[in-house]
Amino acid sequence: MQDETSSAGSRAAQHEAARTRDAAALDAMMHPTFHVNSPEGEMWSRERTLALWLNRGIGHNRFERFVETVSLDGHVGVVAGREVVRPSTDSIAGQRRADGGHAVERRFTNVWLWKDGRWWFFARHANETVARPPAP
């Protein structure tokens, strides 16, 4: 098992690639069987996800990530926390929202797999945080 430093480099590279819409970098790190449970409420394959990055279906004018936990066990790493994003107006999320491009808070979980001497971005789940009413 590689140490967390190697995993941290992968995490940082994934965040930077997503933040800058670098589809080629995302392509290089995604496992062939990658899937994402998207904030749009759909399951996207690796191919669909990359196509959306390439045609600007996914994109943000702001993308900050706050990692709250990292778990490593054997050949699996899980990174979870929250993200603050402002969907670009040409993205699916930006077209769905009619709020003038306000920032959105999301919860995320990214799963990494150590295989063939490297970390692969294996799976992702992200959903917009739903505001909860105050407790009685």
N, C-alpha and C. Protein backbone atom coordinates (compact mmCIF):
# COMPACT_ATOMS: atom_id res chain seq x y z
N MET A 1 0.85 -1.18 0.00
CA MET A 1 0.00 0.00 0.00
C MET A 1 0.88 1.23 0.00
N GLN A 2 0.57 2.17 -0.86
CA GLN A 2 1.29 3.43 -0.90
C GLN A 2 0.89 4.28 0.29
N ASP A 3 1.75 5.20 0.67
CA ASP A 3 1.41 6.07 1.79
C ASP A 3 0.41 7.14 1.36
N GLU A 4 -0.11 7.87 2.34
CA GLU A 4 -1.14 8.86 2.06
C GLU A 4 -0.62 10.00 1.20
N THR A 5 0.68 10.25 1.19
CA THR A 5 1.24 11.31 0.36
C THR A 5 0.93 11.05 -1.11
N SER A 6 1.07 9.81 -1.55
CA SER A 6 0.75 9.46 -2.92
C SER A 6 -0.73 9.67 -3.19
N SER A 7 -1.55 9.27 -2.25
CA SER A 7 -2.99 9.46 -2.36
C SER A 7 -3.34 10.94 -2.37
N ALA A 8 -2.67 11.73 -1.53
CA ALA A 8 -2.93 13.16 -1.47
C ALA A 8 -2.61 13.82 -2.80
N GLY A 9 -1.54 13.39 -3.45
CA GLY A 9 -1.20 13.94 -4.76
C GLY A 9 -2.28 13.64 -5.78
N SER A 10 -2.83 12.45 -5.75
CA SER A 10 -3.93 12.08 -6.65
C SER A 10 -5.16 12.92 -6.38
N ARG A 11 -5.47 13.11 -5.08
CA ARG A 11 -6.64 13.92 -4.70
C ARG A 11 -6.49 15.34 -5.22
N ALA A 12 -5.32 15.91 -5.00
CA ALA A 12 -5.08 17.30 -5.43
C ALA A 12 -5.14 17.42 -6.95
N ALA A 13 -4.58 16.44 -7.65
CA ALA A 13 -4.60 16.48 -9.11
C ALA A 13 -6.02 16.37 -9.65
N GLN A 14 -6.84 15.53 -9.02
CA GLN A 14 -8.24 15.39 -9.46
C GLN A 14 -8.99 16.70 -9.25
N HIS A 15 -8.80 17.32 -8.09
CA HIS A 15 -9.48 18.59 -7.80
C HIS A 15 -9.06 19.66 -8.80
N GLU A 16 -7.78 19.76 -9.08
CA GLU A 16 -7.28 20.77 -10.02
C GLU A 16 -7.82 20.51 -11.44
N ALA A 17 -7.84 19.26 -11.85
CA ALA A 17 -8.37 18.93 -13.18
C ALA A 17 -9.85 19.29 -13.28
N ALA A 18 -10.62 19.00 -12.23
CA ALA A 18 -12.05 19.34 -12.24
C ALA A 18 -12.24 20.86 -12.21
N ARG A 19 -11.45 21.53 -11.40
CA ARG A 19 -11.57 22.99 -11.27
C ARG A 19 -11.29 23.70 -12.58
N THR A 20 -10.32 23.18 -13.36
CA THR A 20 -9.90 23.85 -14.60
C THR A 20 -10.48 23.21 -15.87
N ARG A 21 -11.38 22.25 -15.68
CA ARG A 21 -12.00 21.54 -16.82
C ARG A 21 -10.97 20.86 -17.70
N ASP A 22 -10.00 20.23 -17.09
CA ASP A 22 -8.94 19.54 -17.82
C ASP A 22 -9.37 18.09 -18.08
N ALA A 23 -10.12 17.89 -19.15
CA ALA A 23 -10.66 16.56 -19.47
C ALA A 23 -9.55 15.55 -19.73
N ALA A 24 -8.45 15.97 -20.33
CA ALA A 24 -7.36 15.03 -20.61
C ALA A 24 -6.75 14.51 -19.31
N ALA A 25 -6.58 15.38 -18.32
CA ALA A 25 -6.05 14.94 -17.03
C ALA A 25 -7.03 14.00 -16.33
N LEU A 26 -8.33 14.33 -16.38
CA LEU A 26 -9.33 13.45 -15.78
C LEU A 26 -9.34 12.09 -16.49
N ASP A 27 -9.24 12.11 -17.79
CA ASP A 27 -9.21 10.87 -18.57
C ASP A 27 -8.06 9.98 -18.11
N ALA A 28 -6.90 10.58 -17.88
CA ALA A 28 -5.71 9.81 -17.49
C ALA A 28 -5.84 9.19 -16.10
N MET A 29 -6.62 9.78 -15.23
CA MET A 29 -6.70 9.25 -13.86
C MET A 29 -7.91 8.36 -13.62
N MET A 30 -8.91 8.38 -14.51
CA MET A 30 -10.12 7.59 -14.30
C MET A 30 -9.91 6.13 -14.65
N HIS A 31 -10.35 5.27 -13.77
CA HIS A 31 -10.32 3.83 -14.02
C HIS A 31 -11.25 3.52 -15.18
N PRO A 32 -10.97 2.48 -15.98
CA PRO A 32 -11.85 2.16 -17.11
C PRO A 32 -13.31 1.91 -16.72
N THR A 33 -13.57 1.46 -15.50
CA THR A 33 -14.95 1.21 -15.09
C THR A 33 -15.51 2.30 -14.18
N PHE A 34 -14.90 3.50 -14.20
CA PHE A 34 -15.35 4.63 -13.39
C PHE A 34 -16.83 4.93 -13.63
N HIS A 35 -17.53 5.25 -12.55
CA HIS A 35 -18.91 5.75 -12.62
C HIS A 35 -19.08 6.86 -11.59
N VAL A 36 -20.00 7.77 -11.88
CA VAL A 36 -20.33 8.83 -10.93
C VAL A 36 -21.84 8.87 -10.74
N ASN A 37 -22.24 8.96 -9.49
CA ASN A 37 -23.63 9.25 -9.14
C ASN A 37 -23.68 10.77 -9.06
N SER A 38 -24.15 11.40 -10.12
CA SER A 38 -23.97 12.84 -10.31
C SER A 38 -24.94 13.67 -9.49
N PRO A 39 -24.60 14.95 -9.29
CA PRO A 39 -25.52 15.87 -8.63
C PRO A 39 -26.82 16.06 -9.40
N GLU A 40 -26.83 15.63 -10.66
CA GLU A 40 -28.05 15.72 -11.47
C GLU A 40 -28.99 14.55 -11.22
N GLY A 41 -28.60 13.64 -10.32
CA GLY A 41 -29.45 12.50 -9.99
C GLY A 41 -29.38 11.37 -11.01
N GLU A 42 -28.28 11.31 -11.73
CA GLU A 42 -28.10 10.28 -12.77
C GLU A 42 -26.77 9.56 -12.55
N MET A 43 -26.70 8.32 -13.00
CA MET A 43 -25.44 7.58 -13.03
C MET A 43 -24.79 7.84 -14.37
N TRP A 44 -23.53 8.26 -14.33
CA TRP A 44 -22.79 8.53 -15.56
C TRP A 44 -21.60 7.60 -15.64
N SER A 45 -21.40 7.00 -16.79
CA SER A 45 -20.22 6.17 -17.05
C SER A 45 -19.01 7.08 -17.23
N ARG A 46 -17.87 6.45 -17.29
CA ARG A 46 -16.63 7.18 -17.57
C ARG A 46 -16.75 7.93 -18.89
N GLU A 47 -17.26 7.26 -19.91
CA GLU A 47 -17.37 7.85 -21.24
C GLU A 47 -18.30 9.06 -21.23
N ARG A 48 -19.45 8.91 -20.57
CA ARG A 48 -20.42 10.03 -20.50
C ARG A 48 -19.81 11.20 -19.72
N THR A 49 -19.15 10.90 -18.62
CA THR A 49 -18.55 11.95 -17.80
C THR A 49 -17.51 12.72 -18.59
N LEU A 50 -16.63 12.01 -19.28
CA LEU A 50 -15.59 12.68 -20.08
C LEU A 50 -16.20 13.50 -21.22
N ALA A 51 -17.24 12.96 -21.86
CA ALA A 51 -17.90 13.70 -22.94
C ALA A 51 -18.50 15.00 -22.41
N LEU A 52 -19.08 14.95 -21.22
CA LEU A 52 -19.65 16.17 -20.63
C LEU A 52 -18.56 17.19 -20.29
N TRP A 53 -17.41 16.72 -19.78
CA TRP A 53 -16.31 17.66 -19.53
C TRP A 53 -15.84 18.29 -20.83
N LEU A 54 -15.74 17.49 -21.88
CA LEU A 54 -15.23 18.00 -23.16
C LEU A 54 -16.18 18.99 -23.82
N ASN A 55 -17.50 18.77 -23.70
CA ASN A 55 -18.45 19.67 -24.37
C ASN A 55 -19.04 20.71 -23.43
N ARG A 56 -18.42 20.89 -22.27
CA ARG A 56 -18.77 21.91 -21.30
C ARG A 56 -20.09 21.63 -20.59
N GLY A 57 -20.57 20.39 -20.64
CA GLY A 57 -21.77 20.01 -19.89
C GLY A 57 -21.52 20.00 -18.40
N ILE A 58 -20.26 19.80 -18.01
CA ILE A 58 -19.84 19.92 -16.62
C ILE A 58 -18.86 21.08 -16.58
N GLY A 59 -19.04 21.96 -15.62
CA GLY A 59 -18.10 23.07 -15.48
C GLY A 59 -18.51 24.00 -14.37
N HIS A 60 -17.52 24.68 -13.82
CA HIS A 60 -17.76 25.55 -12.68
C HIS A 60 -16.97 26.84 -12.84
N ASN A 61 -17.57 27.93 -12.40
CA ASN A 61 -16.85 29.19 -12.32
C ASN A 61 -16.14 29.30 -10.97
N ARG A 62 -16.54 28.47 -10.03
CA ARG A 62 -15.90 28.38 -8.71
C ARG A 62 -15.95 26.92 -8.31
N PHE A 63 -14.86 26.42 -7.73
CA PHE A 63 -14.83 25.03 -7.26
C PHE A 63 -13.83 24.93 -6.12
N GLU A 64 -14.36 24.85 -4.92
CA GLU A 64 -13.53 24.68 -3.73
C GLU A 64 -13.92 23.37 -3.06
N ARG A 65 -12.94 22.67 -2.53
CA ARG A 65 -13.19 21.38 -1.89
C ARG A 65 -12.63 21.42 -0.47
N PHE A 66 -13.41 20.87 0.45
CA PHE A 66 -13.01 20.78 1.85
C PHE A 66 -13.07 19.32 2.26
N VAL A 67 -11.92 18.68 2.31
CA VAL A 67 -11.85 17.27 2.66
C VAL A 67 -12.05 17.15 4.17
N GLU A 68 -12.99 16.31 4.56
CA GLU A 68 -13.30 16.09 5.97
C GLU A 68 -12.76 14.77 6.49
N THR A 69 -12.60 13.80 5.59
CA THR A 69 -12.09 12.50 6.02
C THR A 69 -11.41 11.79 4.86
N VAL A 70 -10.36 11.07 5.18
CA VAL A 70 -9.67 10.20 4.23
C VAL A 70 -9.50 8.86 4.91
N SER A 71 -9.96 7.80 4.26
CA SER A 71 -9.81 6.45 4.79
C SER A 71 -9.05 5.61 3.78
N LEU A 72 -8.03 4.93 4.26
CA LEU A 72 -7.25 4.03 3.41
C LEU A 72 -7.27 2.64 4.04
N ASP A 73 -7.58 1.64 3.23
CA ASP A 73 -7.57 0.26 3.70
C ASP A 73 -7.22 -0.63 2.52
N GLY A 74 -6.08 -1.26 2.61
CA GLY A 74 -5.66 -2.13 1.51
C GLY A 74 -5.47 -1.32 0.24
N HIS A 75 -6.23 -1.66 -0.76
CA HIS A 75 -6.08 -1.03 -2.08
C HIS A 75 -7.19 -0.02 -2.37
N VAL A 76 -7.90 0.41 -1.33
CA VAL A 76 -9.01 1.34 -1.52
C VAL A 76 -8.82 2.58 -0.66
N GLY A 77 -9.04 3.73 -1.25
CA GLY A 77 -9.02 4.99 -0.52
C GLY A 77 -10.34 5.70 -0.74
N VAL A 78 -10.88 6.28 0.32
CA VAL A 78 -12.13 7.03 0.24
C VAL A 78 -11.88 8.43 0.78
N VAL A 79 -12.25 9.42 -0.01
CA VAL A 79 -12.11 10.82 0.36
C VAL A 79 -13.51 11.42 0.37
N ALA A 80 -13.88 12.08 1.47
CA ALA A 80 -15.23 12.63 1.56
C ALA A 80 -15.21 13.98 2.23
N GLY A 81 -16.22 14.77 1.93
CA GLY A 81 -16.35 16.09 2.53
C GLY A 81 -17.38 16.92 1.80
N ARG A 82 -17.06 18.22 1.68
CA ARG A 82 -18.00 19.12 1.01
C ARG A 82 -17.27 19.94 -0.05
N GLU A 83 -18.05 20.42 -0.99
CA GLU A 83 -17.55 21.27 -2.07
C GLU A 83 -18.45 22.49 -2.17
N VAL A 84 -17.88 23.59 -2.54
CA VAL A 84 -18.65 24.78 -2.88
C VAL A 84 -18.36 25.07 -4.34
N VAL A 85 -19.41 25.05 -5.15
CA VAL A 85 -19.24 25.26 -6.59
C VAL A 85 -20.22 26.32 -7.06
N ARG A 86 -19.82 27.00 -8.12
CA ARG A 86 -20.73 27.89 -8.84
C ARG A 86 -20.75 27.34 -10.26
N PRO A 87 -21.84 26.63 -10.62
CA PRO A 87 -21.89 26.04 -11.95
C PRO A 87 -21.80 27.11 -13.04
N SER A 88 -21.02 26.83 -14.07
CA SER A 88 -20.95 27.76 -15.20
C SER A 88 -22.31 27.75 -15.91
N THR A 89 -22.64 28.86 -16.53
CA THR A 89 -23.97 28.98 -17.14
C THR A 89 -24.17 28.02 -18.30
N ASP A 90 -23.09 27.54 -18.92
CA ASP A 90 -23.23 26.61 -20.05
C ASP A 90 -23.24 25.15 -19.61
N SER A 91 -23.11 24.88 -18.33
CA SER A 91 -23.12 23.49 -17.84
C SER A 91 -24.55 23.02 -17.61
N ILE A 92 -24.71 21.72 -17.45
CA ILE A 92 -26.04 21.16 -17.16
C ILE A 92 -26.60 21.78 -15.88
N ALA A 93 -25.79 21.82 -14.83
CA ALA A 93 -26.25 22.38 -13.56
C ALA A 93 -26.57 23.87 -13.70
N GLY A 94 -25.76 24.60 -14.45
CA GLY A 94 -25.99 26.03 -14.65
C GLY A 94 -27.27 26.29 -15.42
N GLN A 95 -27.57 25.43 -16.39
CA GLN A 95 -28.80 25.59 -17.17
C GLN A 95 -30.03 25.19 -16.34
N ARG A 96 -29.86 24.24 -15.43
CA ARG A 96 -30.97 23.79 -14.58
C ARG A 96 -31.32 24.84 -13.54
N ARG A 97 -30.33 25.53 -13.05
CA ARG A 97 -30.54 26.48 -11.95
C ARG A 97 -30.94 27.84 -12.52
N ALA A 98 -31.84 28.49 -11.85
CA ALA A 98 -32.28 29.82 -12.27
C ALA A 98 -32.00 30.82 -11.15
N ASP A 99 -30.81 30.75 -10.57
CA ASP A 99 -30.50 31.58 -9.40
C ASP A 99 -29.40 32.60 -9.67
N GLY A 100 -29.12 32.87 -10.93
CA GLY A 100 -28.12 33.87 -11.25
C GLY A 100 -26.69 33.44 -11.00
N GLY A 101 -26.45 32.15 -10.91
CA GLY A 101 -25.09 31.66 -10.74
C GLY A 101 -24.58 31.68 -9.32
N HIS A 102 -25.47 31.57 -8.35
CA HIS A 102 -25.04 31.53 -6.95
C HIS A 102 -24.29 30.24 -6.65
N ALA A 103 -23.45 30.31 -5.65
CA ALA A 103 -22.69 29.13 -5.23
C ALA A 103 -23.62 28.08 -4.64
N VAL A 104 -23.23 26.84 -4.82
CA VAL A 104 -23.98 25.69 -4.33
C VAL A 104 -23.05 24.87 -3.46
N GLU A 105 -23.54 24.42 -2.31
CA GLU A 105 -22.75 23.52 -1.49
C GLU A 105 -23.18 22.09 -1.79
N ARG A 106 -22.17 21.22 -1.90
CA ARG A 106 -22.43 19.80 -2.18
C ARG A 106 -21.69 18.94 -1.18
N ARG A 107 -22.17 17.72 -1.00
CA ARG A 107 -21.46 16.67 -0.29
C ARG A 107 -20.85 15.78 -1.37
N PHE A 108 -19.66 15.25 -1.12
CA PHE A 108 -19.03 14.37 -2.11
C PHE A 108 -18.33 13.21 -1.43
N THR A 109 -18.21 12.14 -2.18
CA THR A 109 -17.38 10.99 -1.81
C THR A 109 -16.66 10.54 -3.07
N ASN A 110 -15.34 10.49 -3.02
CA ASN A 110 -14.53 9.98 -4.13
C ASN A 110 -13.86 8.70 -3.67
N VAL A 111 -13.90 7.70 -4.51
CA VAL A 111 -13.29 6.41 -4.20
C VAL A 111 -12.11 6.20 -5.14
N TRP A 112 -10.97 5.82 -4.54
CA TRP A 112 -9.73 5.60 -5.28
C TRP A 112 -9.32 4.14 -5.13
N LEU A 113 -8.74 3.58 -6.18
CA LEU A 113 -8.31 2.19 -6.19
C LEU A 113 -6.83 2.12 -6.55
N TRP A 114 -6.04 1.45 -5.69
CA TRP A 114 -4.62 1.24 -5.99
C TRP A 114 -4.51 -0.02 -6.83
N LYS A 115 -4.06 0.13 -8.08
CA LYS A 115 -3.95 -1.01 -8.99
C LYS A 115 -2.87 -0.70 -10.02
N ASP A 116 -2.10 -1.72 -10.35
CA ASP A 116 -1.05 -1.58 -11.37
C ASP A 116 -0.06 -0.46 -11.04
N GLY A 117 0.24 -0.31 -9.74
CA GLY A 117 1.26 0.63 -9.31
C GLY A 117 0.83 2.09 -9.29
N ARG A 118 -0.48 2.35 -9.29
CA ARG A 118 -0.94 3.74 -9.27
C ARG A 118 -2.34 3.84 -8.68
N TRP A 119 -2.73 5.05 -8.30
CA TRP A 119 -4.08 5.31 -7.83
C TRP A 119 -4.97 5.65 -9.01
N TRP A 120 -6.11 4.97 -9.09
CA TRP A 120 -7.12 5.22 -10.11
C TRP A 120 -8.34 5.87 -9.46
N PHE A 121 -8.87 6.89 -10.10
CA PHE A 121 -10.13 7.50 -9.67
C PHE A 121 -11.22 6.51 -10.08
N PHE A 122 -11.83 5.85 -9.11
CA PHE A 122 -12.68 4.69 -9.36
C PHE A 122 -14.17 5.01 -9.37
N ALA A 123 -14.62 5.85 -8.45
CA ALA A 123 -16.05 6.17 -8.37
C ALA A 123 -16.24 7.49 -7.63
N ARG A 124 -17.39 8.11 -7.87
CA ARG A 124 -17.70 9.39 -7.23
C ARG A 124 -19.19 9.49 -6.99
N HIS A 125 -19.54 10.13 -5.89
CA HIS A 125 -20.92 10.51 -5.61
C HIS A 125 -20.89 11.96 -5.16
N ALA A 126 -21.79 12.77 -5.69
CA ALA A 126 -21.90 14.16 -5.26
C ALA A 126 -23.37 14.56 -5.31
N ASN A 127 -23.80 15.28 -4.29
CA ASN A 127 -25.17 15.79 -4.30
C ASN A 127 -25.21 17.17 -3.65
N GLU A 128 -26.13 17.98 -4.15
CA GLU A 128 -26.31 19.31 -3.58
C GLU A 128 -26.88 19.16 -2.18
N THR A 129 -26.37 19.99 -1.27
CA THR A 129 -26.85 19.98 0.10
C THR A 129 -28.24 20.61 0.15
N VAL A 130 -29.12 19.93 0.82
CA VAL A 130 -30.48 20.44 0.96
C VAL A 130 -30.57 21.19 2.29
N ALA A 131 -31.06 22.41 2.23
CA ALA A 131 -31.21 23.19 3.46
C ALA A 131 -32.22 22.50 4.37
N ARG A 132 -31.86 22.38 5.64
CA ARG A 132 -32.76 21.75 6.61
C ARG A 132 -33.39 22.82 7.48
N PRO A 133 -34.68 22.66 7.82
CA PRO A 133 -35.29 23.63 8.75
C PRO A 133 -34.66 23.49 10.12
N PRO A 134 -34.69 24.55 10.91
CA PRO A 134 -34.12 24.48 12.25
C PRO A 134 -34.84 23.43 13.09
N ALA A 135 -34.08 22.80 13.98
CA ALA A 135 -34.68 21.81 14.88
C ALA A 135 -35.65 22.51 15.82
N PRO A 136 -36.76 21.83 16.18
CA PRO A 136 -37.75 22.45 17.08
C PRO A 136 -37.19 22.66 18.47
